[in-house]
Amino acid sequence: MVHKKDIAHLVAKKAKMPDIKAKKAIQAALDIIIDTVIREGRLELRNFGVFILKERKPRKARNPKTGKEVMVPKRKVIVFKVGCNVKKRLG
């Protein structure tokens, strides 16, 4: 599993900057992505992918422990669709 600190270390090494600055830059970028998707409903990063805000409908579900049926309320989720460059690299 790769963590944010691992990515920050790789970015810092490639950009020849301190790890802490890379970690702050990555966190700032992630915050901007989240805020933009919430505000605009969509964020497209050309050739990488698209983040889309969707609303899941309320639904019936079952508690696995008790087997009792429960209602799950509607909620907002962010989905990601892979861009063409990522698809190509995946093979």
C-alpha atoms as a PDB file:
ATOM      1  CA  MET A   1       0.000   0.000   0.000  1.00  0.00           C
ATOM      2  CA  VAL A   2       1.256   3.470  -0.878  1.00  0.00           C
ATOM      3  CA  HIS A   3       0.588   6.366   1.492  1.00  0.00           C
ATOM      4  CA  LYS A   4       0.564  10.111   0.943  1.00  0.00           C
ATOM      5  CA  LYS A   5       3.960  10.435   2.633  1.00  0.00           C
ATOM      6  CA  ASP A   6       5.414   7.949   0.124  1.00  0.00           C
ATOM      7  CA  ILE A   7       4.123  10.002  -2.801  1.00  0.00           C
ATOM      8  CA  ALA A   8       5.385  13.185  -1.124  1.00  0.00           C
ATOM      9  CA  HIS A   9       8.837  11.622  -0.804  1.00  0.00           C
ATOM     10  CA  LEU A  10       8.891  10.700  -4.517  1.00  0.00           C
ATOM     11  CA  VAL A  11       7.703  14.181  -5.535  1.00  0.00           C
ATOM     12  CA  ALA A  12      10.277  15.798  -3.251  1.00  0.00           C
ATOM     13  CA  LYS A  13      13.047  13.671  -4.729  1.00  0.00           C
ATOM     14  CA  LYS A  14      11.999  14.418  -8.324  1.00  0.00           C
ATOM     15  CA  ALA A  15      11.476  18.163  -7.702  1.00  0.00           C
ATOM     16  CA  LYS A  16      14.576  18.410  -5.482  1.00  0.00           C
ATOM     17  CA  MET A  17      12.675  19.911  -2.566  1.00  0.00           C
ATOM     18  CA  PRO A  18      12.177  19.011   1.109  1.00  0.00           C
ATOM     19  CA  ASP A  19       9.666  16.254   1.882  1.00  0.00           C
ATOM     20  CA  ILE A  20       7.581  18.544   4.094  1.00  0.00           C
ATOM     21  CA  LYS A  21       7.091  21.072   1.280  1.00  0.00           C
ATOM     22  CA  ALA A  22       6.071  18.306  -1.117  1.00  0.00           C
ATOM     23  CA  LYS A  23       3.603  16.917   1.429  1.00  0.00           C
ATOM     24  CA  LYS A  24       2.063  20.388   1.933  1.00  0.00           C
ATOM     25  CA  ALA A  25       1.799  20.905  -1.838  1.00  0.00           C
ATOM     26  CA  ILE A  26       0.126  17.530  -2.339  1.00  0.00           C
ATOM     27  CA  GLN A  27      -2.336  18.212   0.488  1.00  0.00           C
ATOM     28  CA  ALA A  28      -3.134  21.636  -0.997  1.00  0.00           C
ATOM     29  CA  ALA A  29      -3.771  20.042  -4.402  1.00  0.00           C
ATOM     30  CA  LEU A  30      -6.057  17.394  -2.862  1.00  0.00           C
ATOM     31  CA  ASP A  31      -7.971  20.065  -0.920  1.00  0.00           C
ATOM     32  CA  ILE A  32      -8.465  22.067  -4.123  1.00  0.00           C
ATOM     33  CA  ILE A  33      -9.703  18.963  -5.969  1.00  0.00           C
ATOM     34  CA  ILE A  34     -12.240  18.174  -3.223  1.00  0.00           C
ATOM     35  CA  ASP A  35     -13.438  21.788  -2.926  1.00  0.00           C
ATOM     36  CA  THR A  36     -13.796  22.124  -6.697  1.00  0.00           C
ATOM     37  CA  VAL A  37     -15.758  18.893  -7.085  1.00  0.00           C
ATOM     38  CA  ILE A  38     -18.091  19.893  -4.246  1.00  0.00           C
ATOM     39  CA  ARG A  39     -18.586  23.409  -5.640  1.00  0.00           C
ATOM     40  CA  GLU A  40     -18.703  22.654  -9.398  1.00  0.00           C
ATOM     41  CA  GLY A  41     -19.853  19.032  -9.426  1.00  0.00           C
ATOM     42  CA  ARG A  42     -17.074  18.003 -11.808  1.00  0.00           C
ATOM     43  CA  LEU A  43     -13.315  18.337 -12.212  1.00  0.00           C
ATOM     44  CA  GLU A  44     -11.549  17.171 -15.343  1.00  0.00           C
ATOM     45  CA  LEU A  45      -7.811  16.555 -15.438  1.00  0.00           C
ATOM     46  CA  ARG A  46      -7.090  16.073 -19.151  1.00  0.00           C
ATOM     47  CA  ASN A  47      -5.789  12.607 -20.054  1.00  0.00           C
ATOM     48  CA  PHE A  48      -5.806  11.571 -16.373  1.00  0.00           C
ATOM     49  CA  GLY A  49      -9.481  11.392 -15.461  1.00  0.00           C
ATOM     50  CA  VAL A  50     -12.624  13.085 -14.246  1.00  0.00           C
ATOM     51  CA  PHE A  51     -13.936  13.462 -10.689  1.00  0.00           C
ATOM     52  CA  ILE A  52     -17.746  13.686 -10.617  1.00  0.00           C
ATOM     53  CA  LEU A  53     -20.057  14.426  -7.680  1.00  0.00           C
ATOM     54  CA  LYS A  54     -23.070  12.094  -7.701  1.00  0.00           C
ATOM     55  CA  GLU A  55     -25.968  11.616  -5.356  1.00  0.00           C
ATOM     56  CA  ARG A  56     -26.831   8.062  -4.400  1.00  0.00           C
ATOM     57  CA  LYS A  57     -30.546   7.400  -3.955  1.00  0.00           C
ATOM     58  CA  PRO A  58     -31.899   6.105  -0.656  1.00  0.00           C
ATOM     59  CA  ARG A  59     -32.129   2.318  -0.650  1.00  0.00           C
ATOM     60  CA  LYS A  60     -33.045  -0.710   1.378  1.00  0.00           C
ATOM     61  CA  ALA A  61     -30.161  -2.720   2.805  1.00  0.00           C
ATOM     62  CA  ARG A  62     -29.738  -5.618   5.180  1.00  0.00           C
ATOM     63  CA  ASN A  63     -27.755  -5.650   8.420  1.00  0.00           C
ATOM     64  CA  PRO A  64     -25.372  -8.603   7.960  1.00  0.00           C
ATOM     65  CA  LYS A  65     -25.302  -9.402  11.695  1.00  0.00           C
ATOM     66  CA  THR A  66     -29.040  -9.441  12.357  1.00  0.00           C
ATOM     67  CA  GLY A  67     -30.457  -9.874   8.861  1.00  0.00           C
ATOM     68  CA  LYS A  68     -32.820  -6.993   9.620  1.00  0.00           C
ATOM     69  CA  GLU A  69     -33.773  -4.692   6.753  1.00  0.00           C
ATOM     70  CA  VAL A  70     -32.740  -1.032   7.159  1.00  0.00           C
ATOM     71  CA  MET A  71     -33.048   2.111   5.040  1.00  0.00           C
ATOM     72  CA  VAL A  72     -29.827   3.758   3.891  1.00  0.00           C
ATOM     73  CA  PRO A  73     -30.393   7.507   3.342  1.00  0.00           C
ATOM     74  CA  LYS A  74     -29.354   9.324   0.164  1.00  0.00           C
ATOM     75  CA  ARG A  75     -25.787  10.595   0.161  1.00  0.00           C
ATOM     76  CA  LYS A  76     -23.275  12.339  -2.046  1.00  0.00           C
ATOM     77  CA  VAL A  77     -20.219  10.501  -3.350  1.00  0.00           C
ATOM     78  CA  ILE A  78     -17.304  11.403  -5.588  1.00  0.00           C
ATOM     79  CA  VAL A  79     -16.672   8.982  -8.445  1.00  0.00           C
ATOM     80  CA  PHE A  80     -13.599   8.879 -10.673  1.00  0.00           C
ATOM     81  CA  LYS A  81     -13.563   7.994 -14.367  1.00  0.00           C
ATOM     82  CA  VAL A  82     -10.170   7.066 -15.771  1.00  0.00           C
ATOM     83  CA  GLY A  83      -8.766   9.148 -18.638  1.00  0.00           C
ATOM     84  CA  CYS A  84      -7.282   7.887 -21.898  1.00  0.00           C
ATOM     85  CA  ASN A  85      -3.603   8.137 -20.900  1.00  0.00           C
ATOM     86  CA  VAL A  86      -4.227   6.086 -17.767  1.00  0.00           C
ATOM     87  CA  LYS A  87      -6.178   3.480 -19.779  1.00  0.00           C
ATOM     88  CA  LYS A  88      -3.281   3.174 -22.231  1.00  0.00           C
ATOM     89  CA  ARG A  89      -0.744   2.679 -19.444  1.00  0.00           C
ATOM     90  CA  LEU A  90      -2.911   0.021 -17.812  1.00  0.00           C
ATOM     91  CA  GLY A  91      -2.784  -1.983 -21.015  1.00  0.00           C
END
